[in-house]
Amino acid sequence: MCEVYMKTTILAPLEHEPRQALPTNEAARHLSLKPQTLRAWAHYWPVGELLRVLQEGSAVAAGGAE
């Protein structure tokens, strides 16, 4: 029988997170969701958010989060 051990790390509160973006796996843990759920959600973009990004230009100029 093969046993799988999950590496558990303590997540810092988001209020103390210095990064502007998190990897999908970490974001999913904060939201108590599976990473696959976040990946599926990424296929749908709110129009208002797209407009905000285009108006600010910050994400496009920085090359995005990843």
PDB file of N, CA and C in Angstrom:
ATOM      1  N   MET A   1       0.845  -1.178   0.000  1.00  0.00           N
ATOM      2  CA  MET A   1       0.000   0.000   0.000  1.00  0.00           C
ATOM      3  C   MET A   1       0.890   1.240   0.000  1.00  0.00           C
ATOM      4  N   CYS A   2       0.593   2.162  -0.867  1.00  0.00           N
ATOM      5  CA  CYS A   2       1.378   3.387  -0.998  1.00  0.00           C
ATOM      6  C   CYS A   2       0.685   4.510  -0.236  1.00  0.00           C
ATOM      7  N   GLU A   3       1.428   5.143   0.653  1.00  0.00           N
ATOM      8  CA  GLU A   3       0.876   6.258   1.408  1.00  0.00           C
ATOM      9  C   GLU A   3       1.402   7.563   0.829  1.00  0.00           C
ATOM     10  N   VAL A   4       0.531   8.517   0.705  1.00  0.00           N
ATOM     11  CA  VAL A   4       0.906   9.820   0.181  1.00  0.00           C
ATOM     12  C   VAL A   4       0.834  10.815   1.323  1.00  0.00           C
ATOM     13  N   TYR A   5       1.911  11.551   1.503  1.00  0.00           N
ATOM     14  CA  TYR A   5       1.953  12.561   2.543  1.00  0.00           C
ATOM     15  C   TYR A   5       1.911  13.926   1.888  1.00  0.00           C
ATOM     16  N   MET A   6       0.972  14.732   2.328  1.00  0.00           N
ATOM     17  CA  MET A   6       0.871  16.085   1.793  1.00  0.00           C
ATOM     18  C   MET A   6       1.737  17.008   2.625  1.00  0.00           C
ATOM     19  N   LYS A   7       2.511  17.800   1.950  1.00  0.00           N
ATOM     20  CA  LYS A   7       3.329  18.786   2.630  1.00  0.00           C
ATOM     21  C   LYS A   7       2.414  19.944   3.025  1.00  0.00           C
ATOM     22  N   THR A   8       2.296  20.191   4.308  1.00  0.00           N
ATOM     23  CA  THR A   8       1.447  21.285   4.755  1.00  0.00           C
ATOM     24  C   THR A   8       2.320  22.423   5.246  1.00  0.00           C
ATOM     25  N   THR A   9       1.996  23.580   4.784  1.00  0.00           N
ATOM     26  CA  THR A   9       2.686  24.777   5.239  1.00  0.00           C
ATOM     27  C   THR A   9       1.645  25.731   5.783  1.00  0.00           C
ATOM     28  N   ILE A  10       2.052  26.521   6.724  1.00  0.00           N
ATOM     29  CA  ILE A  10       1.148  27.495   7.308  1.00  0.00           C
ATOM     30  C   ILE A  10       1.098  28.707   6.386  1.00  0.00           C
ATOM     31  N   LEU A  11      -0.091  29.103   6.028  1.00  0.00           N
ATOM     32  CA  LEU A  11      -0.261  30.269   5.171  1.00  0.00           C
ATOM     33  C   LEU A  11      -0.255  31.535   6.012  1.00  0.00           C
ATOM     34  N   ALA A  12       0.482  32.506   5.551  1.00  0.00           N
ATOM     35  CA  ALA A  12       0.470  33.807   6.216  1.00  0.00           C
ATOM     36  C   ALA A  12      -0.859  34.480   5.912  1.00  0.00           C
ATOM     37  N   PRO A  13      -1.384  35.264   6.846  1.00  0.00           N
ATOM     38  CA  PRO A  13      -2.613  35.996   6.542  1.00  0.00           C
ATOM     39  C   PRO A  13      -2.404  36.894   5.324  1.00  0.00           C
ATOM     40  N   LEU A  14      -3.418  37.009   4.499  1.00  0.00           N
ATOM     41  CA  LEU A  14      -3.294  37.825   3.292  1.00  0.00           C
ATOM     42  C   LEU A  14      -2.987  39.282   3.616  1.00  0.00           C
ATOM     43  N   GLU A  15      -3.409  39.735   4.775  1.00  0.00           N
ATOM     44  CA  GLU A  15      -3.132  41.114   5.170  1.00  0.00           C
ATOM     45  C   GLU A  15      -1.632  41.384   5.302  1.00  0.00           C
ATOM     46  N   HIS A  16      -0.857  40.309   5.496  1.00  0.00           N
ATOM     47  CA  HIS A  16       0.594  40.442   5.663  1.00  0.00           C
ATOM     48  C   HIS A  16       1.366  39.921   4.448  1.00  0.00           C
ATOM     49  N   GLU A  17       0.668  39.593   3.383  1.00  0.00           N
ATOM     50  CA  GLU A  17       1.298  39.041   2.181  1.00  0.00           C
ATOM     51  C   GLU A  17       1.945  40.163   1.376  1.00  0.00           C
ATOM     52  N   PRO A  18       3.272  40.105   1.169  1.00  0.00           N
ATOM     53  CA  PRO A  18       3.954  41.167   0.434  1.00  0.00           C
ATOM     54  C   PRO A  18       3.827  41.052  -1.092  1.00  0.00           C
ATOM     55  N   ARG A  19       3.502  39.860  -1.598  1.00  0.00           N
ATOM     56  CA  ARG A  19       3.409  39.669  -3.045  1.00  0.00           C
ATOM     57  C   ARG A  19       2.091  40.226  -3.578  1.00  0.00           C
ATOM     58  N   GLN A  20       2.130  40.680  -4.825  1.00  0.00           N
ATOM     59  CA  GLN A  20       0.938  41.210  -5.479  1.00  0.00           C
ATOM     60  C   GLN A  20       0.053  40.110  -6.046  1.00  0.00           C
ATOM     61  N   ALA A  21       0.614  38.943  -6.287  1.00  0.00           N
ATOM     62  CA  ALA A  21      -0.132  37.815  -6.847  1.00  0.00           C
ATOM     63  C   ALA A  21       0.393  36.532  -6.209  1.00  0.00           C
ATOM     64  N   LEU A  22      -0.476  35.539  -6.141  1.00  0.00           N
ATOM     65  CA  LEU A  22      -0.105  34.254  -5.561  1.00  0.00           C
ATOM     66  C   LEU A  22      -0.246  33.154  -6.601  1.00  0.00           C
ATOM     67  N   PRO A  23       0.566  32.104  -6.485  1.00  0.00           N
ATOM     68  CA  PRO A  23       0.374  30.945  -7.356  1.00  0.00           C
ATOM     69  C   PRO A  23      -1.010  30.340  -7.101  1.00  0.00           C
ATOM     70  N   THR A  24      -1.543  29.683  -8.093  1.00  0.00           N
ATOM     71  CA  THR A  24      -2.882  29.107  -8.004  1.00  0.00           C
ATOM     72  C   THR A  24      -3.037  28.212  -6.781  1.00  0.00           C
ATOM     73  N   ASN A  25      -2.051  27.378  -6.506  1.00  0.00           N
ATOM     74  CA  ASN A  25      -2.155  26.454  -5.369  1.00  0.00           C
ATOM     75  C   ASN A  25      -2.310  27.198  -4.049  1.00  0.00           C
ATOM     76  N   GLU A  26      -1.561  28.269  -3.858  1.00  0.00           N
ATOM     77  CA  GLU A  26      -1.662  29.039  -2.613  1.00  0.00           C
ATOM     78  C   GLU A  26      -2.984  29.781  -2.532  1.00  0.00           C
ATOM     79  N   ALA A  27      -3.395  30.392  -3.634  1.00  0.00           N
ATOM     80  CA  ALA A  27      -4.674  31.112  -3.647  1.00  0.00           C
ATOM     81  C   ALA A  27      -5.823  30.155  -3.328  1.00  0.00           C
ATOM     82  N   ALA A  28      -5.776  28.963  -3.893  1.00  0.00           N
ATOM     83  CA  ALA A  28      -6.819  27.969  -3.644  1.00  0.00           C
ATOM     84  C   ALA A  28      -6.868  27.592  -2.174  1.00  0.00           C
ATOM     85  N   ARG A  29      -5.730  27.458  -1.539  1.00  0.00           N
ATOM     86  CA  ARG A  29      -5.716  27.120  -0.115  1.00  0.00           C
ATOM     87  C   ARG A  29      -6.339  28.235   0.712  1.00  0.00           C
ATOM     88  N   HIS A  30      -6.050  29.480   0.371  1.00  0.00           N
ATOM     89  CA  HIS A  30      -6.652  30.602   1.100  1.00  0.00           C
ATOM     90  C   HIS A  30      -8.176  30.582   0.968  1.00  0.00           C
ATOM     91  N   LEU A  31      -8.666  30.175  -0.186  1.00  0.00           N
ATOM     92  CA  LEU A  31     -10.100  30.168  -0.457  1.00  0.00           C
ATOM     93  C   LEU A  31     -10.771  28.840  -0.103  1.00  0.00           C
ATOM     94  N   SER A  32      -9.980  27.884   0.380  1.00  0.00           N
ATOM     95  CA  SER A  32     -10.475  26.538   0.697  1.00  0.00           C
ATOM     96  C   SER A  32     -11.131  25.888  -0.524  1.00  0.00           C
ATOM     97  N   LEU A  33     -10.462  26.045  -1.659  1.00  0.00           N
ATOM     98  CA  LEU A  33     -10.926  25.457  -2.909  1.00  0.00           C
ATOM     99  C   LEU A  33      -9.823  24.598  -3.511  1.00  0.00           C
ATOM    100  N   LYS A  34     -10.186  23.784  -4.469  1.00  0.00           N
ATOM    101  CA  LYS A  34      -9.195  23.019  -5.211  1.00  0.00           C
ATOM    102  C   LYS A  34      -8.579  23.921  -6.274  1.00  0.00           C
ATOM    103  N   PRO A  35      -7.279  23.754  -6.559  1.00  0.00           N
ATOM    104  CA  PRO A  35      -6.649  24.558  -7.602  1.00  0.00           C
ATOM    105  C   PRO A  35      -7.370  24.447  -8.943  1.00  0.00           C
ATOM    106  N   GLN A  36      -7.934  23.278  -9.248  1.00  0.00           N
ATOM    107  CA  GLN A  36      -8.643  23.092 -10.508  1.00  0.00           C
ATOM    108  C   GLN A  36      -9.839  24.040 -10.604  1.00  0.00           C
ATOM    109  N   THR A  37     -10.460  24.336  -9.464  1.00  0.00           N
ATOM    110  CA  THR A  37     -11.603  25.248  -9.460  1.00  0.00           C
ATOM    111  C   THR A  37     -11.169  26.635  -9.893  1.00  0.00           C
ATOM    112  N   LEU A  38     -10.051  27.108  -9.357  1.00  0.00           N
ATOM    113  CA  LEU A  38      -9.560  28.431  -9.739  1.00  0.00           C
ATOM    114  C   LEU A  38      -9.148  28.461 -11.203  1.00  0.00           C
ATOM    115  N   ARG A  39      -8.547  27.377 -11.669  1.00  0.00           N
ATOM    116  CA  ARG A  39      -8.162  27.322 -13.081  1.00  0.00           C
ATOM    117  C   ARG A  39      -9.396  27.393 -13.980  1.00  0.00           C
ATOM    118  N   ALA A  40     -10.475  26.724 -13.566  1.00  0.00           N
ATOM    119  CA  ALA A  40     -11.716  26.775 -14.350  1.00  0.00           C
ATOM    120  C   ALA A  40     -12.283  28.188 -14.329  1.00  0.00           C
ATOM    121  N   TRP A  41     -12.263  28.837 -13.176  1.00  0.00           N
ATOM    122  CA  TRP A  41     -12.769  30.201 -13.075  1.00  0.00           C
ATOM    123  C   TRP A  41     -11.965  31.156 -13.945  1.00  0.00           C
ATOM    124  N   ALA A  42     -10.697  30.885 -14.140  1.00  0.00           N
ATOM    125  CA  ALA A  42      -9.840  31.784 -14.913  1.00  0.00           C
ATOM    126  C   ALA A  42     -10.272  31.870 -16.377  1.00  0.00           C
ATOM    127  N   HIS A  43     -11.110  30.951 -16.803  1.00  0.00           N
ATOM    128  CA  HIS A  43     -11.591  30.988 -18.185  1.00  0.00           C
ATOM    129  C   HIS A  43     -12.683  32.031 -18.379  1.00  0.00           C
ATOM    130  N   TYR A  44     -13.182  32.587 -17.285  1.00  0.00           N
ATOM    131  CA  TYR A  44     -14.253  33.579 -17.347  1.00  0.00           C
ATOM    132  C   TYR A  44     -13.768  34.870 -16.719  1.00  0.00           C
ATOM    133  N   TRP A  45     -13.770  35.941 -17.504  1.00  0.00           N
ATOM    134  CA  TRP A  45     -13.260  37.231 -17.019  1.00  0.00           C
ATOM    135  C   TRP A  45     -14.381  38.238 -16.970  1.00  0.00           C
ATOM    136  N   PRO A  46     -14.594  38.856 -15.792  1.00  0.00           N
ATOM    137  CA  PRO A  46     -15.623  39.895 -15.700  1.00  0.00           C
ATOM    138  C   PRO A  46     -15.268  41.079 -16.603  1.00  0.00           C
ATOM    139  N   VAL A  47     -16.225  41.539 -17.364  1.00  0.00           N
ATOM    140  CA  VAL A  47     -15.994  42.639 -18.294  1.00  0.00           C
ATOM    141  C   VAL A  47     -15.503  43.876 -17.545  1.00  0.00           C
ATOM    142  N   GLY A  48     -16.083  44.156 -16.385  1.00  0.00           N
ATOM    143  CA  GLY A  48     -15.653  45.310 -15.597  1.00  0.00           C
ATOM    144  C   GLY A  48     -14.190  45.228 -15.201  1.00  0.00           C
ATOM    145  N   GLU A  49     -13.721  44.032 -14.885  1.00  0.00           N
ATOM    146  CA  GLU A  49     -12.311  43.859 -14.510  1.00  0.00           C
ATOM    147  C   GLU A  49     -11.402  44.062 -15.716  1.00  0.00           C
ATOM    148  N   LEU A  50     -11.818  43.575 -16.880  1.00  0.00           N
ATOM    149  CA  LEU A  50     -11.031  43.794 -18.094  1.00  0.00           C
ATOM    150  C   LEU A  50     -10.917  45.290 -18.398  1.00  0.00           C
ATOM    151  N   LEU A  51     -12.027  45.995 -18.261  1.00  0.00           N
ATOM    152  CA  LEU A  51     -11.997  47.437 -18.500  1.00  0.00           C
ATOM    153  C   LEU A  51     -11.077  48.146 -17.522  1.00  0.00           C
ATOM    154  N   ARG A  52     -11.112  47.716 -16.246  1.00  0.00           N
ATOM    155  CA  ARG A  52     -10.255  48.329 -15.233  1.00  0.00           C
ATOM    156  C   ARG A  52      -8.781  48.129 -15.575  1.00  0.00           C
ATOM    157  N   VAL A  53      -8.421  46.921 -15.963  1.00  0.00           N
ATOM    158  CA  VAL A  53      -7.026  46.622 -16.298  1.00  0.00           C
ATOM    159  C   VAL A  53      -6.582  47.418 -17.516  1.00  0.00           C
ATOM    160  N   LEU A  54      -7.459  47.488 -18.509  1.00  0.00           N
ATOM    161  CA  LEU A  54      -7.096  48.240 -19.708  1.00  0.00           C
ATOM    162  C   LEU A  54      -6.941  49.726 -19.411  1.00  0.00           C
ATOM    163  N   GLN A  55      -7.765  50.259 -18.537  1.00  0.00           N
ATOM    164  CA  GLN A  55      -7.679  51.677 -18.193  1.00  0.00           C
ATOM    165  C   GLN A  55      -6.420  51.969 -17.385  1.00  0.00           C
ATOM    166  N   GLU A  56      -6.086  51.062 -16.476  1.00  0.00           N
ATOM    167  CA  GLU A  56      -4.884  51.273 -15.654  1.00  0.00           C
ATOM    168  C   GLU A  56      -3.624  50.957 -16.438  1.00  0.00           C
ATOM    169  N   GLY A  57      -3.669  49.929 -17.270  1.00  0.00           N
ATOM    170  CA  GLY A  57      -2.524  49.553 -18.069  1.00  0.00           C
ATOM    171  C   GLY A  57      -1.416  48.884 -17.280  1.00  0.00           C
ATOM    172  N   SER A  58      -1.583  48.725 -15.956  1.00  0.00           N
ATOM    173  CA  SER A  58      -0.505  48.194 -15.125  1.00  0.00           C
ATOM    174  C   SER A  58      -0.216  46.733 -15.397  1.00  0.00           C
ATOM    175  N   ALA A  59      -1.220  45.897 -15.508  1.00  0.00           N
ATOM    176  CA  ALA A  59      -0.997  44.474 -15.705  1.00  0.00           C
ATOM    177  C   ALA A  59      -0.404  44.203 -17.078  1.00  0.00           C
ATOM    178  N   VAL A  60      -0.835  44.946 -18.074  1.00  0.00           N
ATOM    179  CA  VAL A  60      -0.324  44.743 -19.426  1.00  0.00           C
ATOM    180  C   VAL A  60       1.142  45.181 -19.489  1.00  0.00           C
ATOM    181  N   ALA A  61       1.452  46.323 -18.896  1.00  0.00           N
ATOM    182  CA  ALA A  61       2.823  46.839 -18.926  1.00  0.00           C
ATOM    183  C   ALA A  61       3.773  45.941 -18.146  1.00  0.00           C
ATOM    184  N   ALA A  62       3.278  45.338 -17.074  1.00  0.00           N
ATOM    185  CA  ALA A  62       4.142  44.482 -16.241  1.00  0.00           C
ATOM    186  C   ALA A  62       4.222  43.066 -16.781  1.00  0.00           C
ATOM    187  N   GLY A  63       3.457  42.729 -17.805  1.00  0.00           N
ATOM    188  CA  GLY A  63       3.505  41.379 -18.357  1.00  0.00           C
ATOM    189  C   GLY A  63       2.628  40.403 -17.625  1.00  0.00           C
ATOM    190  N   GLY A  64       1.729  40.859 -16.790  1.00  0.00           N
ATOM    191  CA  GLY A  64       0.825  39.970 -16.057  1.00  0.00           C
ATOM    192  C   GLY A  64       1.477  39.420 -14.812  1.00  0.00           C
ATOM    193  N   ALA A  65       0.759  38.530 -14.141  1.00  0.00           N
ATOM    194  CA  ALA A  65       1.232  37.986 -12.867  1.00  0.00           C
ATOM    195  C   ALA A  65       2.227  36.852 -13.036  1.00  0.00           C
ATOM    196  N   GLU A  66       2.119  36.116 -14.149  1.00  0.00           N
ATOM    197  CA  GLU A  66       3.041  34.982 -14.320  1.00  0.00           C
ATOM    198  C   GLU A  66       3.695  35.053 -15.661  1.00  0.00           C
TER     199      GLU A  66
END
